[in-house]
Amino acid sequence: MTEQDGYIQSLSVYTAVMQHEFRTPLNSSIMFLEYLLELVIGLPTAASVINQVLSQLWLLLSVINGLLDERMS
């Protein structure tokens, strides 16, 4: 195995781990907040705050997906 092959393999392993480490907690947080959103029907302030947090989490997940997907190609 050449040094370049080792680098490519290490990068692949690193990217796979980072996909899990970043995406799993974000997806869990999004799912939990979507569940909470269903519980706060009739509470507009709470729903507004949850929607703002959800919006930012979706944006963050999009950025992370872009970075990780770019690194995989």
Protein backbone atom coordinates (compact mmCIF):
# COMPACT_ATOMS: atom_id res chain seq x y z
CA MET A 1 0.00 0.00 0.00
CA THR A 2 1.40 3.36 -0.98
CA GLU A 3 1.31 6.44 1.19
CA GLN A 4 -1.39 7.91 -1.05
CA ASP A 5 -3.52 4.75 -0.71
CA GLY A 6 -3.19 4.96 3.07
CA TYR A 7 -4.24 8.60 2.99
CA ILE A 8 -7.27 7.84 0.83
CA GLN A 9 -8.30 4.96 3.08
CA SER A 10 -7.87 7.10 6.22
CA LEU A 11 -9.90 9.89 4.68
CA SER A 12 -12.67 7.45 3.77
CA VAL A 13 -12.83 6.07 7.32
CA TYR A 14 -12.76 9.58 8.80
CA THR A 15 -15.59 10.73 6.53
CA ALA A 16 -17.72 7.69 7.38
CA VAL A 17 -17.26 8.31 11.10
CA MET A 18 -18.03 12.02 10.73
CA GLN A 19 -21.20 11.24 8.78
CA HIS A 20 -22.43 9.21 11.71
CA GLU A 21 -21.17 11.55 14.42
CA PHE A 22 -22.76 14.66 12.91
CA ARG A 23 -25.85 13.39 11.15
CA THR A 24 -27.22 11.04 13.81
CA PRO A 25 -27.54 13.60 16.63
CA LEU A 26 -28.88 16.24 14.24
CA ASN A 27 -31.50 13.89 12.85
CA SER A 28 -32.48 12.86 16.38
CA SER A 29 -32.84 16.48 17.44
CA ILE A 30 -34.94 17.28 14.38
CA MET A 31 -37.24 14.33 14.99
CA PHE A 32 -37.64 15.23 18.67
CA LEU A 33 -38.47 18.85 17.89
CA GLU A 34 -40.97 17.79 15.22
CA TYR A 35 -42.61 15.62 17.89
CA LEU A 36 -42.65 18.54 20.34
CA LEU A 37 -44.19 20.73 17.67
CA GLU A 38 -47.16 18.37 17.57
CA LEU A 39 -47.54 18.70 21.35
CA VAL A 40 -47.59 22.50 21.45
CA ILE A 41 -50.58 22.99 19.18
CA GLY A 42 -52.37 26.05 20.51
CA LEU A 43 -49.20 27.55 22.00
CA PRO A 44 -48.00 29.92 19.27
CA THR A 45 -44.92 31.21 21.11
CA ALA A 46 -43.62 27.72 21.81
CA ALA A 47 -44.35 26.63 18.24
CA SER A 48 -42.53 29.68 16.90
CA VAL A 49 -39.41 28.95 18.96
CA ILE A 50 -39.43 25.29 17.96
CA ASN A 51 -39.85 26.24 14.28
CA GLN A 52 -36.89 28.64 14.51
CA VAL A 53 -34.68 25.95 16.04
CA LEU A 54 -35.86 23.41 13.46
CA SER A 55 -35.07 25.83 10.66
CA GLN A 56 -31.52 26.30 11.94
CA LEU A 57 -30.99 22.57 12.44
CA TRP A 58 -32.14 21.85 8.88
CA LEU A 59 -29.73 24.53 7.64
CA LEU A 60 -26.87 23.07 9.67
CA LEU A 61 -27.66 19.56 8.43
CA SER A 62 -27.67 20.84 4.86
CA VAL A 63 -24.25 22.43 5.30
CA ILE A 64 -22.82 19.29 6.92
CA ASN A 65 -24.32 17.08 4.20
CA GLY A 66 -22.78 19.32 1.56
CA LEU A 67 -19.35 19.20 3.16
CA LEU A 68 -19.38 15.46 3.77
CA ASP A 69 -20.86 14.60 0.38
CA GLU A 70 -18.27 16.80 -1.33
CA ARG A 71 -15.51 15.05 0.55
CA MET A 72 -16.85 11.65 -0.52
CA SER A 73 -16.62 12.51 -4.22
